[in-house]
């Protein structure tokens, strides 16, 4: 009986040691401390009809452009806010200061860019193609928005400089300021 009690005690001792871990077993690394830094802003997934963007689309200090679209281009104006501004909103009667890059939906070719000129462009919204004006309306200063403009709201079937007739246009626009 004494032998069975010793055997039982030994089994319990082995189980306790095993449950506590072996002194020669490697310890798990300590958990990483929680970060107090805010997470990096990420761009929303492209909305239907909006091509993917290059670079870091939420970095308003750097140019971003649309890649070639996939599938049939949209037949109506499509807009998507990448960064929502916090300033006043643009109205159709405003003159705006914008940084922008315009590309062709069909192949992603850049046809115009204020970034390449080194400064924002200024123009009245009532003096641009309808899709651009409609796409900027309601946008807040400090924001970045993608506009996908069908030919009917752009240049239609006529060519305009490097833009072939019948082109769907894609603009990545930063609203820098409003001049009322």
Protein backbone atom coordinates (compact mmCIF):
# COMPACT_ATOMS: atom_id res chain seq x y z
CA UNK A 1 0.00 0.00 0.00
CA UNK A 2 2.81 2.30 0.84
CA UNK A 3 4.28 1.64 -2.60
CA UNK A 4 1.04 2.59 -4.36
CA UNK A 5 0.82 5.81 -2.32
CA UNK A 6 4.37 6.72 -3.33
CA UNK A 7 3.60 5.91 -6.96
CA UNK A 8 0.43 8.03 -6.82
CA UNK A 9 2.37 10.91 -5.20
CA UNK A 10 5.05 10.67 -7.88
CA UNK A 11 2.41 10.77 -10.65
CA UNK A 12 0.78 13.83 -9.08
CA UNK A 13 4.18 15.53 -8.69
CA UNK A 14 5.04 14.88 -12.34
CA UNK A 15 1.65 16.24 -13.42
CA UNK A 16 2.11 19.40 -11.33
CA UNK A 17 5.61 19.99 -12.69
CA UNK A 18 4.40 19.41 -16.24
CA UNK A 19 1.53 21.84 -15.74
CA UNK A 20 3.87 24.51 -14.40
CA UNK A 21 6.40 24.08 -17.16
CA UNK A 22 9.92 22.85 -17.17
CA UNK A 23 12.67 25.15 -15.95
CA UNK A 24 14.60 24.42 -19.16
CA UNK A 25 11.67 25.10 -21.51
CA UNK A 26 11.97 28.40 -23.36
CA UNK A 27 9.64 31.10 -22.15
CA UNK A 28 7.19 32.72 -24.51
CA UNK A 29 8.26 36.20 -25.54
CA UNK A 30 6.52 38.98 -23.65
CA UNK A 31 3.51 40.52 -25.33
CA UNK A 32 4.25 43.67 -27.29
CA UNK A 33 3.10 46.79 -25.47
CA UNK A 34 -0.02 48.42 -26.83
CA UNK A 35 0.80 51.29 -29.17
CA UNK A 36 -0.56 54.70 -28.31
CA UNK A 37 0.10 55.98 -31.84
CA UNK A 38 -2.97 56.32 -34.04
CA UNK A 39 -3.19 53.83 -36.90
CA UNK A 40 -2.08 55.06 -40.31
CA UNK A 41 -4.96 56.29 -42.44
CA UNK A 42 -5.87 53.92 -45.19
CA UNK A 43 -7.77 54.66 -48.33
CA UNK A 44 -11.20 53.14 -48.69
CA UNK A 45 -11.60 50.29 -51.16
CA UNK A 46 -12.45 51.65 -54.59
CA UNK A 47 -16.17 52.16 -55.16
CA UNK A 48 -17.73 50.42 -58.17
CA UNK A 49 -16.48 52.15 -61.32
CA UNK A 50 -13.53 53.81 -59.55
CA UNK A 51 -10.08 52.59 -60.67
CA UNK A 52 -7.36 51.71 -58.16
CA UNK A 53 -5.05 54.55 -57.13
CA UNK A 54 -1.25 54.69 -57.03
CA UNK A 55 0.95 55.47 -54.05
CA UNK A 56 -0.51 56.44 -50.69
CA UNK A 57 -3.87 57.96 -51.64
CA UNK A 58 -4.41 59.54 -48.21
CA UNK A 59 -1.13 61.52 -48.31
CA UNK A 60 -2.26 64.97 -49.40
CA UNK A 61 1.33 66.15 -49.76
CA UNK A 62 1.95 63.79 -52.68
CA UNK A 63 0.41 63.24 -56.09
CA UNK A 64 -1.86 60.24 -56.54
CA UNK A 65 -3.31 59.10 -59.82
CA UNK A 66 -5.82 56.57 -61.03
CA UNK A 67 -4.70 53.43 -62.79
CA UNK A 68 -6.57 52.09 -65.80
CA UNK A 69 -10.17 51.21 -65.10
CA UNK A 70 -11.45 47.68 -65.35
CA UNK A 71 -14.60 46.62 -67.11
CA UNK A 72 -17.15 48.91 -68.69
CA UNK A 73 -16.69 52.53 -67.60
CA UNK A 74 -19.62 54.01 -65.68
CA UNK A 75 -22.23 55.90 -67.71
CA UNK A 76 -22.97 58.33 -64.85
CA UNK A 77 -20.71 60.50 -62.72
CA UNK A 78 -19.08 58.51 -59.91
CA UNK A 79 -17.39 60.21 -56.96
CA UNK A 80 -15.57 58.76 -53.98
CA UNK A 81 -14.06 60.64 -51.07
CA UNK A 82 -10.60 59.33 -50.20
CA UNK A 83 -10.02 61.96 -47.51
CA UNK A 84 -12.95 63.99 -46.19
CA UNK A 85 -12.01 67.60 -45.62
CA UNK A 86 -13.01 69.69 -42.64
CA UNK A 87 -13.26 73.11 -44.28
CA UNK A 88 -16.10 74.82 -46.11
CA UNK A 89 -17.88 72.96 -48.93
CA UNK A 90 -17.66 74.06 -52.55
CA UNK A 91 -20.75 75.41 -54.31
CA UNK A 92 -21.34 75.70 -58.08
CA UNK A 93 -20.74 79.48 -57.92
CA UNK A 94 -17.28 79.16 -56.30
CA UNK A 95 -13.83 79.58 -57.74
CA UNK A 96 -11.64 76.81 -56.33
CA UNK A 97 -7.95 76.09 -55.80
CA UNK A 98 -7.23 72.42 -56.51
CA UNK A 99 -4.37 70.01 -56.93
CA UNK A 100 -5.37 67.31 -59.40
CA UNK A 101 -4.24 64.59 -61.74
CA UNK A 102 -6.41 63.63 -64.70
CA UNK A 103 -6.10 60.22 -66.36
CA UNK A 104 -7.90 58.28 -69.04
CA UNK A 105 -10.11 55.48 -67.69
CA UNK A 106 -9.21 53.29 -70.67
CA UNK A 107 -5.47 53.04 -69.98
CA UNK A 108 -4.47 55.21 -66.98
CA UNK A 109 -2.52 57.70 -69.15
CA UNK A 110 -2.08 61.08 -67.43
CA UNK A 111 -3.40 63.87 -69.66
CA UNK A 112 -3.10 66.75 -67.17
CA UNK A 113 -1.71 67.39 -63.70
CA UNK A 114 -1.42 70.52 -61.58
CA UNK A 115 1.20 68.61 -59.55
CA UNK A 116 3.52 68.62 -62.56
CA UNK A 117 3.25 72.43 -62.68
CA UNK A 118 4.20 72.69 -59.00
CA UNK A 119 1.17 74.62 -57.77
CA UNK A 120 -2.59 74.32 -57.41
CA UNK A 121 -4.82 75.41 -60.28
CA UNK A 122 -7.51 78.05 -59.75
CA UNK A 123 -10.72 78.18 -61.77
CA UNK A 124 -14.43 78.90 -61.46
CA UNK A 125 -16.56 75.75 -61.25
CA UNK A 126 -18.94 77.26 -63.80
CA UNK A 127 -16.07 77.30 -66.32
CA UNK A 128 -15.13 73.61 -66.39
CA UNK A 129 -16.70 70.48 -67.89
CA UNK A 130 -20.00 69.64 -66.15
CA UNK A 131 -18.75 66.40 -64.57
CA UNK A 132 -15.83 68.17 -62.90
CA UNK A 133 -18.05 70.92 -61.51
CA UNK A 134 -20.69 68.43 -60.30
CA UNK A 135 -18.00 66.22 -58.79
CA UNK A 136 -16.44 69.06 -56.76
CA UNK A 137 -19.76 70.47 -55.54
CA UNK A 138 -20.18 69.70 -51.83
CA UNK A 139 -16.52 68.68 -51.41
CA UNK A 140 -14.90 70.22 -48.33
CA UNK A 141 -11.57 72.06 -48.28
CA UNK A 142 -8.80 69.71 -47.14
CA UNK A 143 -10.36 66.69 -48.86
CA UNK A 144 -9.32 64.37 -51.67
CA UNK A 145 -11.93 62.95 -54.03
CA UNK A 146 -11.90 60.74 -57.10
CA UNK A 147 -14.18 61.74 -59.98
CA UNK A 148 -15.01 59.34 -62.81
CA UNK A 149 -16.57 61.44 -65.55
CA UNK A 150 -18.38 59.79 -68.48
CA UNK A 151 -18.00 61.39 -71.93
CA UNK A 152 -21.46 63.00 -71.76
CA UNK A 153 -20.29 65.08 -68.75
CA UNK A 154 -16.78 65.60 -70.13
CA UNK A 155 -15.79 66.37 -73.71
CA UNK A 156 -18.35 64.11 -75.40
CA UNK A 157 -17.24 62.63 -78.72
CA UNK A 158 -14.87 65.48 -79.60
CA UNK A 159 -11.15 65.31 -78.91
CA UNK A 160 -9.60 67.97 -76.70
CA UNK A 161 -5.80 68.13 -76.76
CA UNK A 162 -4.48 64.79 -75.46
CA UNK A 163 -8.01 63.55 -74.65
CA UNK A 164 -9.51 61.38 -77.40
CA UNK A 165 -13.18 61.83 -78.19
CA UNK A 166 -15.54 59.56 -76.25
CA UNK A 167 -13.14 59.27 -73.28
CA UNK A 168 -14.14 58.59 -69.70
CA UNK A 169 -11.98 60.81 -67.49
CA UNK A 170 -10.71 60.10 -63.98
CA UNK A 171 -9.55 62.91 -61.72
CA UNK A 172 -7.98 62.67 -58.28
CA UNK A 173 -8.71 66.10 -56.83
CA UNK A 174 -7.51 67.80 -53.63
CA UNK A 175 -9.61 70.83 -52.71
CA UNK A 176 -7.03 73.29 -51.40
CA UNK A 177 -9.18 76.40 -51.09
CA UNK A 178 -12.34 78.25 -52.09
CA UNK A 179 -12.38 81.85 -53.36
CA UNK A 180 -15.88 83.23 -52.96
